Amino acid sequence: MKQLLTLGLLLIMFSCGKEKVLQLPEISHSEITEIYDVSPAYLFYDETQKDSVELNRKNLISTTNWLVNVDKRLTLKQAIPHIKYLQNKKQNSSHKKKSAKNYFTCNDTSRKNLGFIEFTDVVFESDFKNETLPDLKADSYFGLVEFNSFEKIEMTVIYGEHMETLNLNFDDLLSYIRESKALTLKLSFNSNISFQDYISVKSKILSIDSVSLQLFNHELIFN
């Protein structure tokens, strides 16, 4: 198999000679730029398929780091079930290695090269009624962020017995996070948003340099 990165595209040439193009999500900066000992998986956007998504995972080795290449045009509703399938496959493998991680592959526009976002320990949930919340310290803030679009974000902030709901756009949310102290965030996303928007949100929040910010590893994908 051969692959080529060009302007945010992965050109995949399979042994049968069939070519497929995958559009990687774009980010402006990535802290992770090199990963070794890897196996790739691909989630293609395919307009000819009923659900517009196709998973290719033929070359995955459970003892390696997995690079999951997701087409940015897919919605979370389309992509997340396949991503959860890959997580479970690796987790349940009898040959898995603790040091082997899972990463989303992105196009880092600032470097004009690949960048990566780790999601090894992310738990994707799908039910408001059974969602998991972190154990909070008495002097810490908890923010439950409900993301529908960059202009429509609802954030419920809990501090002790006090609770308030804020309606924000994305820039306001980032400013709130930067100015907060002892803040734990749980992110939730509308399942109809694109994988590109999901990656944009994650990369921007992960890039905030704050020792007081903690991202809860459970994420809710809601309808």
N, C-alpha and C. Protein backbone atom coordinates (compact mmCIF):
# COMPACT_ATOMS: atom_id res chain seq x y z
N MET A 1 0.84 -1.20 0.00
CA MET A 1 0.00 0.00 0.00
C MET A 1 0.87 1.24 0.00
N LYS A 2 0.44 2.26 -0.71
CA LYS A 2 1.16 3.53 -0.78
C LYS A 2 0.24 4.66 -0.39
N GLN A 3 0.76 5.67 0.33
CA GLN A 3 -0.06 6.81 0.69
C GLN A 3 0.73 8.09 0.47
N LEU A 4 0.03 9.16 0.08
CA LEU A 4 0.66 10.43 -0.22
C LEU A 4 -0.15 11.54 0.39
N LEU A 5 0.52 12.45 1.14
CA LEU A 5 -0.15 13.62 1.71
C LEU A 5 0.09 14.81 0.81
N THR A 6 -0.99 15.42 0.34
CA THR A 6 -0.89 16.60 -0.51
C THR A 6 -2.02 17.56 -0.17
N LEU A 7 -1.67 18.72 0.39
CA LEU A 7 -2.65 19.76 0.69
C LEU A 7 -3.83 19.22 1.49
N GLY A 8 -3.51 18.42 2.52
CA GLY A 8 -4.55 17.94 3.40
C GLY A 8 -5.27 16.71 2.89
N LEU A 9 -4.79 16.10 1.81
CA LEU A 9 -5.41 14.90 1.28
C LEU A 9 -4.51 13.70 1.51
N LEU A 10 -5.14 12.57 1.79
CA LEU A 10 -4.41 11.32 1.78
C LEU A 10 -4.86 10.55 0.55
N LEU A 11 -3.93 10.27 -0.35
CA LEU A 11 -4.24 9.45 -1.52
C LEU A 11 -3.85 8.02 -1.19
N ILE A 12 -4.83 7.16 -1.09
CA ILE A 12 -4.59 5.78 -0.69
C ILE A 12 -4.62 4.89 -1.92
N MET A 13 -3.54 4.17 -2.15
CA MET A 13 -3.47 3.27 -3.30
C MET A 13 -3.39 1.84 -2.78
N PHE A 14 -4.49 1.11 -2.89
CA PHE A 14 -4.52 -0.24 -2.38
C PHE A 14 -3.89 -1.20 -3.39
N SER A 15 -3.56 -2.40 -2.89
CA SER A 15 -2.86 -3.37 -3.73
C SER A 15 -3.67 -3.77 -4.96
N CYS A 16 -4.99 -3.66 -4.90
CA CYS A 16 -5.83 -4.01 -6.03
C CYS A 16 -5.80 -2.92 -7.10
N GLY A 17 -5.12 -1.80 -6.82
CA GLY A 17 -5.01 -0.73 -7.79
C GLY A 17 -6.08 0.33 -7.67
N LYS A 18 -7.02 0.15 -6.78
CA LYS A 18 -8.11 1.11 -6.61
C LYS A 18 -7.64 2.28 -5.74
N GLU A 19 -7.87 3.50 -6.22
CA GLU A 19 -7.46 4.69 -5.49
C GLU A 19 -8.64 5.31 -4.76
N LYS A 20 -8.37 5.80 -3.56
CA LYS A 20 -9.38 6.52 -2.77
C LYS A 20 -8.73 7.77 -2.21
N VAL A 21 -9.49 8.83 -2.10
CA VAL A 21 -8.99 10.08 -1.56
C VAL A 21 -9.69 10.37 -0.24
N LEU A 22 -8.92 10.67 0.77
CA LEU A 22 -9.44 11.00 2.09
C LEU A 22 -9.00 12.41 2.46
N GLN A 23 -9.95 13.27 2.81
CA GLN A 23 -9.63 14.64 3.21
C GLN A 23 -9.43 14.70 4.72
N LEU A 24 -8.20 14.97 5.13
CA LEU A 24 -7.90 15.02 6.55
C LEU A 24 -8.46 16.29 7.19
N PRO A 25 -8.86 16.22 8.46
CA PRO A 25 -9.24 17.44 9.17
C PRO A 25 -8.03 18.35 9.35
N GLU A 26 -8.27 19.66 9.33
CA GLU A 26 -7.19 20.63 9.43
C GLU A 26 -7.15 21.25 10.83
N ILE A 27 -5.93 21.43 11.33
CA ILE A 27 -5.72 22.13 12.59
C ILE A 27 -4.61 23.15 12.38
N SER A 28 -4.58 24.18 13.21
CA SER A 28 -3.59 25.24 13.04
C SER A 28 -2.28 24.95 13.77
N HIS A 29 -2.33 24.01 14.71
CA HIS A 29 -1.13 23.66 15.47
C HIS A 29 -1.32 22.32 16.16
N SER A 30 -0.27 21.54 16.20
CA SER A 30 -0.31 20.26 16.88
C SER A 30 0.91 20.10 17.77
N GLU A 31 0.68 19.66 19.01
CA GLU A 31 1.79 19.39 19.92
C GLU A 31 2.50 18.09 19.55
N ILE A 32 1.79 17.18 18.88
CA ILE A 32 2.35 15.88 18.51
C ILE A 32 2.59 15.88 17.01
N THR A 33 3.84 15.75 16.62
CA THR A 33 4.19 15.85 15.20
C THR A 33 4.86 14.59 14.65
N GLU A 34 5.32 13.70 15.52
CA GLU A 34 5.96 12.48 15.06
C GLU A 34 5.53 11.30 15.91
N ILE A 35 5.18 10.22 15.25
CA ILE A 35 4.81 8.98 15.94
C ILE A 35 5.46 7.82 15.20
N TYR A 36 6.04 6.90 15.95
CA TYR A 36 6.72 5.76 15.34
C TYR A 36 5.99 4.46 15.69
N ASP A 37 6.32 3.41 14.95
CA ASP A 37 5.72 2.09 15.16
C ASP A 37 4.20 2.19 15.05
N VAL A 38 3.72 2.41 13.85
CA VAL A 38 2.31 2.73 13.64
C VAL A 38 1.62 1.75 12.69
N SER A 39 0.30 1.70 12.83
CA SER A 39 -0.59 1.03 11.89
C SER A 39 -1.72 1.99 11.55
N PRO A 40 -2.14 2.06 10.27
CA PRO A 40 -3.19 3.00 9.88
C PRO A 40 -4.56 2.34 9.73
N ALA A 41 -5.58 3.13 10.03
CA ALA A 41 -6.96 2.78 9.70
C ALA A 41 -7.56 3.98 8.99
N TYR A 42 -8.53 3.73 8.10
CA TYR A 42 -9.08 4.81 7.30
C TYR A 42 -10.61 4.78 7.35
N LEU A 43 -11.18 5.96 7.59
CA LEU A 43 -12.63 6.13 7.52
C LEU A 43 -12.93 7.06 6.36
N PHE A 44 -13.43 6.48 5.26
CA PHE A 44 -13.65 7.23 4.04
C PHE A 44 -15.06 7.81 3.97
N TYR A 45 -15.15 8.98 3.39
CA TYR A 45 -16.43 9.57 3.01
C TYR A 45 -16.75 9.05 1.62
N ASP A 46 -17.85 8.35 1.49
CA ASP A 46 -18.18 7.70 0.21
C ASP A 46 -19.62 8.02 -0.16
N GLU A 47 -19.81 8.87 -1.15
CA GLU A 47 -21.15 9.28 -1.54
C GLU A 47 -21.94 8.15 -2.18
N THR A 48 -21.25 7.10 -2.61
CA THR A 48 -21.95 5.98 -3.25
C THR A 48 -22.55 5.02 -2.23
N GLN A 49 -22.12 5.14 -0.97
CA GLN A 49 -22.63 4.26 0.08
C GLN A 49 -23.84 4.89 0.74
N LYS A 50 -24.76 4.07 1.21
CA LYS A 50 -25.98 4.56 1.83
C LYS A 50 -25.69 5.44 3.04
N ASP A 51 -24.72 5.02 3.87
CA ASP A 51 -24.39 5.80 5.07
C ASP A 51 -23.16 6.67 4.87
N SER A 52 -22.63 6.74 3.63
CA SER A 52 -21.54 7.65 3.25
C SER A 52 -20.24 7.41 4.01
N VAL A 53 -20.04 6.24 4.56
CA VAL A 53 -18.81 5.98 5.31
C VAL A 53 -18.34 4.55 5.05
N GLU A 54 -17.03 4.40 4.95
CA GLU A 54 -16.42 3.09 4.72
C GLU A 54 -15.16 2.98 5.55
N LEU A 55 -15.04 1.91 6.31
CA LEU A 55 -13.88 1.69 7.17
C LEU A 55 -12.94 0.68 6.53
N ASN A 56 -11.65 1.05 6.46
CA ASN A 56 -10.63 0.11 6.03
C ASN A 56 -9.64 -0.06 7.19
N ARG A 57 -9.50 -1.28 7.70
CA ARG A 57 -8.66 -1.54 8.87
C ARG A 57 -7.79 -2.78 8.66
N LYS A 58 -7.50 -3.12 7.43
CA LYS A 58 -6.84 -4.38 7.12
C LYS A 58 -5.43 -4.49 7.68
N ASN A 59 -4.76 -3.35 7.87
CA ASN A 59 -3.34 -3.40 8.23
C ASN A 59 -3.07 -3.06 9.69
N LEU A 60 -4.10 -3.15 10.55
CA LEU A 60 -3.91 -2.81 11.96
C LEU A 60 -3.21 -3.93 12.72
N ILE A 61 -2.22 -3.55 13.50
CA ILE A 61 -1.50 -4.48 14.37
C ILE A 61 -1.69 -3.99 15.80
N SER A 62 -2.20 -4.82 16.68
CA SER A 62 -2.64 -4.38 18.01
C SER A 62 -1.50 -3.89 18.89
N THR A 63 -0.26 -4.30 18.61
CA THR A 63 0.87 -3.90 19.45
C THR A 63 1.47 -2.56 19.03
N THR A 64 0.93 -1.93 17.98
CA THR A 64 1.47 -0.67 17.47
C THR A 64 0.58 0.51 17.86
N ASN A 65 1.09 1.71 17.64
CA ASN A 65 0.26 2.91 17.74
C ASN A 65 -0.66 2.95 16.52
N TRP A 66 -1.93 3.27 16.77
CA TRP A 66 -2.88 3.31 15.65
C TRP A 66 -3.11 4.75 15.21
N LEU A 67 -2.95 5.00 13.93
CA LEU A 67 -3.27 6.28 13.32
C LEU A 67 -4.61 6.14 12.62
N VAL A 68 -5.62 6.79 13.16
CA VAL A 68 -6.97 6.70 12.60
C VAL A 68 -7.20 7.93 11.73
N ASN A 69 -7.30 7.70 10.43
CA ASN A 69 -7.47 8.77 9.46
C ASN A 69 -8.95 8.88 9.11
N VAL A 70 -9.59 9.95 9.56
CA VAL A 70 -11.03 10.13 9.39
C VAL A 70 -11.27 11.27 8.42
N ASP A 71 -12.07 11.04 7.39
CA ASP A 71 -12.39 12.11 6.45
C ASP A 71 -13.16 13.21 7.17
N LYS A 72 -12.71 14.45 6.98
CA LYS A 72 -13.28 15.58 7.71
C LYS A 72 -14.73 15.87 7.36
N ARG A 73 -15.23 15.33 6.25
CA ARG A 73 -16.60 15.59 5.82
C ARG A 73 -17.62 14.70 6.53
N LEU A 74 -17.15 13.65 7.16
CA LEU A 74 -18.06 12.76 7.88
C LEU A 74 -18.64 13.47 9.11
N THR A 75 -19.85 13.11 9.47
CA THR A 75 -20.43 13.61 10.72
C THR A 75 -20.01 12.70 11.86
N LEU A 76 -20.16 13.19 13.09
CA LEU A 76 -19.87 12.33 14.24
C LEU A 76 -20.80 11.12 14.28
N LYS A 77 -22.03 11.31 13.84
CA LYS A 77 -22.98 10.20 13.81
C LYS A 77 -22.46 9.08 12.92
N GLN A 78 -21.78 9.44 11.85
CA GLN A 78 -21.22 8.44 10.94
C GLN A 78 -19.90 7.86 11.46
N ALA A 79 -19.06 8.71 12.02
CA ALA A 79 -17.70 8.29 12.34
C ALA A 79 -17.56 7.60 13.70
N ILE A 80 -18.24 8.10 14.73
CA ILE A 80 -17.99 7.63 16.10
C ILE A 80 -18.25 6.13 16.28
N PRO A 81 -19.32 5.54 15.72
CA PRO A 81 -19.50 4.09 15.90
C PRO A 81 -18.31 3.28 15.40
N HIS A 82 -17.69 3.68 14.30
CA HIS A 82 -16.53 2.98 13.78
C HIS A 82 -15.30 3.22 14.66
N ILE A 83 -15.18 4.43 15.18
CA ILE A 83 -14.06 4.74 16.08
C ILE A 83 -14.17 3.92 17.36
N LYS A 84 -15.38 3.82 17.91
CA LYS A 84 -15.59 2.99 19.10
C LYS A 84 -15.29 1.52 18.81
N TYR A 85 -15.65 1.08 17.62
CA TYR A 85 -15.35 -0.30 17.22
C TYR A 85 -13.84 -0.54 17.24
N LEU A 86 -13.07 0.40 16.71
CA LEU A 86 -11.61 0.26 16.70
C LEU A 86 -11.04 0.27 18.12
N GLN A 87 -11.57 1.16 18.97
CA GLN A 87 -11.12 1.19 20.36
C GLN A 87 -11.36 -0.15 21.04
N ASN A 88 -12.54 -0.69 20.86
CA ASN A 88 -12.88 -1.97 21.49
C ASN A 88 -12.04 -3.11 20.94
N LYS A 89 -11.78 -3.06 19.65
CA LYS A 89 -10.98 -4.11 19.03
C LYS A 89 -9.58 -4.15 19.64
N LYS A 90 -8.99 -2.98 19.83
CA LYS A 90 -7.65 -2.94 20.40
C LYS A 90 -7.67 -3.29 21.89
N GLN A 91 -8.65 -2.76 22.60
CA GLN A 91 -8.75 -2.99 24.04
C GLN A 91 -8.93 -4.46 24.36
N ASN A 92 -9.65 -5.18 23.50
CA ASN A 92 -9.95 -6.58 23.76
C ASN A 92 -8.96 -7.55 23.12
N SER A 93 -7.94 -7.00 22.47
CA SER A 93 -6.95 -7.87 21.84
C SER A 93 -6.05 -8.52 22.90
N SER A 94 -5.78 -9.79 22.71
CA SER A 94 -4.91 -10.51 23.65
C SER A 94 -3.45 -10.14 23.44
N HIS A 95 -3.15 -9.42 22.36
CA HIS A 95 -1.76 -9.05 22.05
C HIS A 95 -1.50 -7.56 22.22
N LYS A 96 -2.43 -6.85 22.84
CA LYS A 96 -2.27 -5.40 22.97
C LYS A 96 -1.08 -5.07 23.87
N LYS A 97 -0.54 -3.86 23.66
CA LYS A 97 0.60 -3.38 24.45
C LYS A 97 0.20 -2.07 25.11
N LYS A 98 0.45 -1.95 26.42
CA LYS A 98 0.00 -0.79 27.18
C LYS A 98 0.55 0.52 26.63
N SER A 99 1.74 0.49 26.08
CA SER A 99 2.36 1.72 25.58
C SER A 99 1.83 2.15 24.21
N ALA A 100 1.06 1.29 23.56
CA ALA A 100 0.54 1.60 22.23
C ALA A 100 -0.68 2.51 22.34
N LYS A 101 -0.67 3.64 21.65
CA LYS A 101 -1.72 4.65 21.75
C LYS A 101 -2.56 4.72 20.47
N ASN A 102 -3.64 5.50 20.55
CA ASN A 102 -4.49 5.76 19.39
C ASN A 102 -4.47 7.26 19.10
N TYR A 103 -4.34 7.61 17.82
CA TYR A 103 -4.27 9.02 17.43
C TYR A 103 -5.15 9.28 16.21
N PHE A 104 -5.72 10.49 16.16
CA PHE A 104 -6.34 10.98 14.94
C PHE A 104 -5.26 11.69 14.13
N THR A 105 -5.22 11.43 12.84
CA THR A 105 -4.29 12.11 11.95
C THR A 105 -4.92 13.39 11.42
N CYS A 106 -4.16 14.49 11.44
CA CYS A 106 -4.67 15.78 10.98
C CYS A 106 -3.66 16.43 10.04
N ASN A 107 -4.11 17.44 9.33
CA ASN A 107 -3.22 18.25 8.52
C ASN A 107 -2.91 19.52 9.29
N ASP A 108 -1.68 19.65 9.77
CA ASP A 108 -1.25 20.83 10.52
C ASP A 108 -0.89 21.93 9.52
N THR A 109 -1.77 22.91 9.38
CA THR A 109 -1.59 23.95 8.36
C THR A 109 -0.42 24.87 8.65
N SER A 110 -0.04 25.03 9.92
CA SER A 110 1.08 25.90 10.27
C SER A 110 2.42 25.30 9.84
N ARG A 111 2.48 23.98 9.83
CA ARG A 111 3.71 23.28 9.47
C ARG A 111 3.64 22.67 8.07
N LYS A 112 2.42 22.65 7.50
CA LYS A 112 2.20 22.01 6.20
C LYS A 112 2.67 20.57 6.23
N ASN A 113 2.28 19.90 7.31
CA ASN A 113 2.65 18.50 7.49
C ASN A 113 1.62 17.85 8.40
N LEU A 114 1.84 16.61 8.74
CA LEU A 114 0.92 15.89 9.60
C LEU A 114 1.05 16.33 11.06
N GLY A 115 -0.08 16.33 11.75
CA GLY A 115 -0.12 16.50 13.20
C GLY A 115 -1.08 15.46 13.75
N PHE A 116 -1.03 15.22 15.06
CA PHE A 116 -1.80 14.13 15.63
C PHE A 116 -2.46 14.54 16.94
N ILE A 117 -3.65 14.01 17.18
CA ILE A 117 -4.37 14.23 18.43
C ILE A 117 -4.66 12.87 19.05
N GLU A 118 -4.17 12.66 20.27
CA GLU A 118 -4.37 11.37 20.92
C GLU A 118 -5.80 11.24 21.45
N PHE A 119 -6.37 10.05 21.31
CA PHE A 119 -7.71 9.79 21.88
C PHE A 119 -7.76 8.42 22.55
N THR A 120 -6.60 7.91 22.96
CA THR A 120 -6.52 6.57 23.53
C THR A 120 -7.54 6.34 24.65
N ASP A 121 -7.62 7.28 25.59
CA ASP A 121 -8.44 7.09 26.78
C ASP A 121 -9.81 7.77 26.70
N VAL A 122 -10.14 8.33 25.54
CA VAL A 122 -11.45 8.99 25.41
C VAL A 122 -12.56 7.94 25.38
N VAL A 123 -13.56 8.15 26.19
CA VAL A 123 -14.74 7.27 26.23
C VAL A 123 -15.90 8.04 25.61
N PHE A 124 -16.43 7.53 24.51
CA PHE A 124 -17.54 8.18 23.83
C PHE A 124 -18.86 7.63 24.36
N GLU A 125 -19.68 8.53 24.88
CA GLU A 125 -20.99 8.15 25.42
C GLU A 125 -22.09 8.63 24.48
N SER A 126 -23.27 8.04 24.61
CA SER A 126 -24.36 8.39 23.70
C SER A 126 -25.70 8.61 24.40
N ASP A 127 -25.70 8.65 25.74
CA ASP A 127 -26.96 8.73 26.48
C ASP A 127 -26.84 9.73 27.61
N PHE A 128 -27.65 10.80 27.55
CA PHE A 128 -27.66 11.80 28.62
C PHE A 128 -27.97 11.17 29.98
N LYS A 129 -28.91 10.21 29.98
CA LYS A 129 -29.38 9.64 31.23
C LYS A 129 -28.29 8.83 31.94
N ASN A 130 -27.39 8.24 31.17
CA ASN A 130 -26.37 7.38 31.76
C ASN A 130 -24.97 7.95 31.63
N GLU A 131 -24.87 9.25 31.38
CA GLU A 131 -23.54 9.83 31.21
C GLU A 131 -22.77 9.85 32.52
N THR A 132 -21.46 9.81 32.39
CA THR A 132 -20.57 9.79 33.55
C THR A 132 -20.04 11.19 33.82
N LEU A 133 -20.03 11.57 35.09
CA LEU A 133 -19.47 12.85 35.50
C LEU A 133 -18.27 12.61 36.41
N PRO A 134 -17.30 13.51 36.39
CA PRO A 134 -16.09 13.31 37.21
C PRO A 134 -16.36 13.58 38.68
N ASP A 135 -15.51 13.03 39.53
CA ASP A 135 -15.55 13.38 40.95
C ASP A 135 -14.90 14.75 41.12
N LEU A 136 -15.62 15.67 41.71
CA LEU A 136 -15.14 17.05 41.80
C LEU A 136 -14.73 17.40 43.22
N LYS A 137 -13.67 18.18 43.31
CA LYS A 137 -13.27 18.72 44.60
C LYS A 137 -14.16 19.90 44.96
N ALA A 138 -14.29 20.17 46.25
CA ALA A 138 -15.20 21.22 46.72
C ALA A 138 -14.84 22.60 46.18
N ASP A 139 -13.56 22.85 45.93
CA ASP A 139 -13.12 24.17 45.50
C ASP A 139 -12.85 24.26 44.01
N SER A 140 -13.41 23.34 43.21
CA SER A 140 -13.16 23.34 41.78
C SER A 140 -14.44 23.63 41.00
N TYR A 141 -14.28 24.15 39.81
CA TYR A 141 -15.39 24.43 38.92
C TYR A 141 -15.54 23.27 37.93
N PHE A 142 -16.77 22.96 37.59
CA PHE A 142 -17.05 21.95 36.57
C PHE A 142 -17.87 22.60 35.47
N GLY A 143 -17.42 22.43 34.23
CA GLY A 143 -18.15 22.98 33.10
C GLY A 143 -18.59 21.88 32.16
N LEU A 144 -19.89 21.79 31.93
CA LEU A 144 -20.44 20.84 30.97
C LEU A 144 -20.75 21.61 29.69
N VAL A 145 -19.97 21.36 28.65
CA VAL A 145 -20.08 22.12 27.41
C VAL A 145 -20.88 21.33 26.39
N GLU A 146 -21.94 21.93 25.89
CA GLU A 146 -22.79 21.31 24.87
C GLU A 146 -22.58 22.06 23.56
N PHE A 147 -21.92 21.41 22.62
CA PHE A 147 -21.50 22.06 21.38
C PHE A 147 -22.43 21.66 20.23
N ASN A 148 -23.16 22.65 19.68
CA ASN A 148 -23.98 22.43 18.50
C ASN A 148 -23.36 23.04 17.24
N SER A 149 -22.70 24.16 17.40
CA SER A 149 -21.97 24.83 16.33
C SER A 149 -21.02 25.82 16.98
N PHE A 150 -20.23 26.51 16.17
CA PHE A 150 -19.29 27.48 16.74
C PHE A 150 -20.00 28.70 17.31
N GLU A 151 -21.23 28.91 16.90
CA GLU A 151 -22.00 30.05 17.40
C GLU A 151 -23.05 29.65 18.43
N LYS A 152 -23.21 28.37 18.64
CA LYS A 152 -24.27 27.91 19.54
C LYS A 152 -23.70 26.89 20.52
N ILE A 153 -23.19 27.41 21.63
CA ILE A 153 -22.60 26.56 22.66
C ILE A 153 -23.26 26.89 23.99
N GLU A 154 -23.72 25.86 24.67
CA GLU A 154 -24.30 26.03 26.00
C GLU A 154 -23.36 25.42 27.02
N MET A 155 -23.02 26.19 28.04
CA MET A 155 -22.10 25.71 29.06
C MET A 155 -22.74 25.84 30.43
N THR A 156 -22.88 24.71 31.09
CA THR A 156 -23.39 24.69 32.45
C THR A 156 -22.21 24.64 33.41
N VAL A 157 -22.11 25.65 34.27
CA VAL A 157 -20.99 25.75 35.20
C VAL A 157 -21.50 25.45 36.61
N ILE A 158 -20.84 24.51 37.27
CA ILE A 158 -21.22 24.10 38.62
C ILE A 158 -20.05 24.35 39.57
N TYR A 159 -20.34 25.05 40.66
CA TYR A 159 -19.33 25.30 41.71
C TYR A 159 -20.02 25.10 43.05
N GLY A 160 -19.71 23.97 43.70
CA GLY A 160 -20.39 23.65 44.95
C GLY A 160 -21.88 23.47 44.71
N GLU A 161 -22.70 24.27 45.40
CA GLU A 161 -24.15 24.18 45.22
C GLU A 161 -24.67 25.20 44.20
N HIS A 162 -23.77 25.94 43.60
CA HIS A 162 -24.17 26.98 42.65
C HIS A 162 -24.07 26.44 41.21
N MET A 163 -25.03 26.85 40.38
CA MET A 163 -25.03 26.42 38.98
C MET A 163 -25.56 27.55 38.12
N GLU A 164 -24.92 27.77 36.98
CA GLU A 164 -25.41 28.75 36.02
C GLU A 164 -25.19 28.22 34.61
N THR A 165 -26.03 28.72 33.70
CA THR A 165 -25.93 28.31 32.30
C THR A 165 -25.55 29.51 31.45
N LEU A 166 -24.53 29.32 30.62
CA LEU A 166 -24.04 30.37 29.76
C LEU A 166 -24.27 29.98 28.30
N ASN A 167 -24.69 30.95 27.48
CA ASN A 167 -24.80 30.76 26.04
C ASN A 167 -23.65 31.52 25.37
N LEU A 168 -22.79 30.79 24.68
CA LEU A 168 -21.54 31.36 24.19
C LEU A 168 -21.32 31.03 22.72
N ASN A 169 -20.43 31.80 22.09
CA ASN A 169 -19.85 31.33 20.85
C ASN A 169 -18.48 30.73 21.18
N PHE A 170 -17.79 30.22 20.17
CA PHE A 170 -16.56 29.47 20.45
C PHE A 170 -15.45 30.35 21.01
N ASP A 171 -15.29 31.57 20.49
CA ASP A 171 -14.26 32.47 21.00
C ASP A 171 -14.52 32.83 22.47
N ASP A 172 -15.79 33.04 22.82
CA ASP A 172 -16.14 33.34 24.21
C ASP A 172 -15.81 32.15 25.11
N LEU A 173 -16.08 30.96 24.61
CA LEU A 173 -15.77 29.75 25.39
C LEU A 173 -14.27 29.65 25.66
N LEU A 174 -13.46 29.87 24.64
CA LEU A 174 -12.01 29.80 24.81
C LEU A 174 -11.53 30.84 25.81
N SER A 175 -12.10 32.05 25.75
CA SER A 175 -11.72 33.10 26.70
C SER A 175 -12.10 32.71 28.12
N TYR A 176 -13.29 32.13 28.29
CA TYR A 176 -13.74 31.70 29.62
C TYR A 176 -12.78 30.65 30.19
N ILE A 177 -12.38 29.71 29.33
CA ILE A 177 -11.49 28.64 29.79
C ILE A 177 -10.15 29.21 30.21
N ARG A 178 -9.59 30.12 29.41
CA ARG A 178 -8.28 30.70 29.72
C ARG A 178 -8.29 31.47 31.04
N GLU A 179 -9.42 32.10 31.35
CA GLU A 179 -9.50 32.95 32.53
C GLU A 179 -9.93 32.19 33.79
N SER A 180 -10.31 30.94 33.63
CA SER A 180 -10.84 30.17 34.76
C SER A 180 -9.71 29.53 35.57
N LYS A 181 -10.03 29.24 36.83
CA LYS A 181 -9.11 28.55 37.71
C LYS A 181 -9.75 27.25 38.19
N ALA A 182 -8.94 26.20 38.27
CA ALA A 182 -9.42 24.90 38.76
C ALA A 182 -10.67 24.47 38.02
N LEU A 183 -10.59 24.42 36.70
CA LEU A 183 -11.75 24.09 35.86
C LEU A 183 -11.61 22.70 35.27
N THR A 184 -12.65 21.87 35.46
CA THR A 184 -12.75 20.58 34.81
C THR A 184 -13.85 20.67 33.75
N LEU A 185 -13.54 20.26 32.54
CA LEU A 185 -14.50 20.34 31.44
C LEU A 185 -14.92 18.96 30.97
N LYS A 186 -16.19 18.81 30.73
CA LYS A 186 -16.67 17.66 29.98
C LYS A 186 -17.31 18.18 28.70
N LEU A 187 -16.88 17.64 27.57
CA LEU A 187 -17.36 18.10 26.28
C LEU A 187 -18.46 17.18 25.76
N SER A 188 -19.48 17.79 25.19
CA SER A 188 -20.53 17.03 24.52
C SER A 188 -20.80 17.68 23.17
N PHE A 189 -21.06 16.84 22.16
CA PHE A 189 -21.16 17.31 20.79
C PHE A 189 -22.44 16.79 20.13
N ASN A 190 -23.07 17.66 19.37
CA ASN A 190 -24.18 17.24 18.53
C ASN A 190 -23.66 16.26 17.49
N SER A 191 -24.32 15.14 17.34
CA SER A 191 -23.82 14.09 16.44
C SER A 191 -23.86 14.50 14.97
N ASN A 192 -24.55 15.60 14.65
CA ASN A 192 -24.65 16.04 13.26
C ASN A 192 -23.52 16.96 12.83
N ILE A 193 -22.63 17.36 13.76
CA ILE A 193 -21.53 18.22 13.35
C ILE A 193 -20.48 17.39 12.61
N SER A 194 -19.67 18.06 11.82
CA SER A 194 -18.65 17.37 11.04
C SER A 194 -17.47 16.96 11.90
N PHE A 195 -16.74 15.99 11.42
CA PHE A 195 -15.52 15.59 12.13
C PHE A 195 -14.51 16.72 12.13
N GLN A 196 -14.52 17.54 11.08
CA GLN A 196 -13.65 18.71 11.05
C GLN A 196 -13.95 19.65 12.21
N ASP A 197 -15.22 19.94 12.47
CA ASP A 197 -15.58 20.83 13.58
C ASP A 197 -15.20 20.21 14.92
N TYR A 198 -15.41 18.92 15.06
CA TYR A 198 -15.03 18.22 16.29
C TYR A 198 -13.53 18.37 16.56
N ILE A 199 -12.72 18.11 15.54
CA ILE A 199 -11.26 18.20 15.69
C ILE A 199 -10.83 19.64 15.96
N SER A 200 -11.49 20.61 15.33
CA SER A 200 -11.16 22.01 15.56
C SER A 200 -11.37 22.39 17.02
N VAL A 201 -12.49 21.96 17.58
CA VAL A 201 -12.80 22.25 18.98
C VAL A 201 -11.76 21.59 19.89
N LYS A 202 -11.50 20.32 19.68
CA LYS A 202 -10.56 19.60 20.53
C LYS A 202 -9.16 20.21 20.46
N SER A 203 -8.68 20.51 19.26
CA SER A 203 -7.32 21.01 19.11
C SER A 203 -7.15 22.38 19.75
N LYS A 204 -8.17 23.25 19.62
CA LYS A 204 -8.09 24.59 20.22
C LYS A 204 -8.08 24.51 21.74
N ILE A 205 -8.92 23.66 22.30
CA ILE A 205 -8.96 23.53 23.76
C ILE A 205 -7.69 22.87 24.29
N LEU A 206 -7.20 21.86 23.60
CA LEU A 206 -5.98 21.19 24.03
C LEU A 206 -4.76 22.10 23.96
N SER A 207 -4.82 23.12 23.11
CA SER A 207 -3.69 24.03 22.94
C SER A 207 -3.63 25.11 24.02
N ILE A 208 -4.69 25.21 24.85
CA ILE A 208 -4.70 26.22 25.91
C ILE A 208 -3.68 25.84 26.99
N ASP A 209 -2.77 26.75 27.25
CA ASP A 209 -1.70 26.50 28.21
C ASP A 209 -2.17 26.91 29.61
N SER A 210 -2.75 25.96 30.32
CA SER A 210 -3.27 26.25 31.66
C SER A 210 -3.13 25.01 32.54
N VAL A 211 -2.42 25.16 33.65
CA VAL A 211 -2.25 24.04 34.57
C VAL A 211 -3.53 23.76 35.35
N SER A 212 -4.46 24.71 35.33
CA SER A 212 -5.69 24.55 36.11
C SER A 212 -6.82 23.92 35.30
N LEU A 213 -6.58 23.67 34.00
CA LEU A 213 -7.61 23.08 33.14
C LEU A 213 -7.45 21.57 33.08
N GLN A 214 -8.55 20.87 33.28
CA GLN A 214 -8.55 19.42 33.14
C GLN A 214 -9.70 19.01 32.24
N LEU A 215 -9.37 18.23 31.20
CA LEU A 215 -10.41 17.71 30.32
C LEU A 215 -10.81 16.32 30.78
N PHE A 216 -12.10 16.16 31.09
CA PHE A 216 -12.60 14.84 31.47
C PHE A 216 -12.57 13.94 30.24
N ASN A 217 -12.15 12.69 30.41
CA ASN A 217 -11.95 11.83 29.25
C ASN A 217 -13.23 11.21 28.69
N HIS A 218 -14.37 11.44 29.35
CA HIS A 218 -15.66 11.01 28.81
C HIS A 218 -16.25 12.14 27.96
N GLU A 219 -16.69 11.81 26.74
CA GLU A 219 -17.32 12.79 25.87
C GLU A 219 -18.68 12.24 25.42
N LEU A 220 -19.67 13.13 25.45
CA LEU A 220 -21.03 12.73 25.09
C LEU A 220 -21.30 13.14 23.64
N ILE A 221 -21.80 12.22 22.83
CA ILE A 221 -22.22 12.49 21.45
C ILE A 221 -23.73 12.33 21.44
N PHE A 222 -24.44 13.48 21.32
CA PHE A 222 -25.90 13.44 21.46
C PHE A 222 -26.59 13.73 20.13
N ASN A 223 -27.82 13.26 20.02
CA ASN A 223 -28.61 13.49 18.80
C ASN A 223 -29.34 14.83 18.86
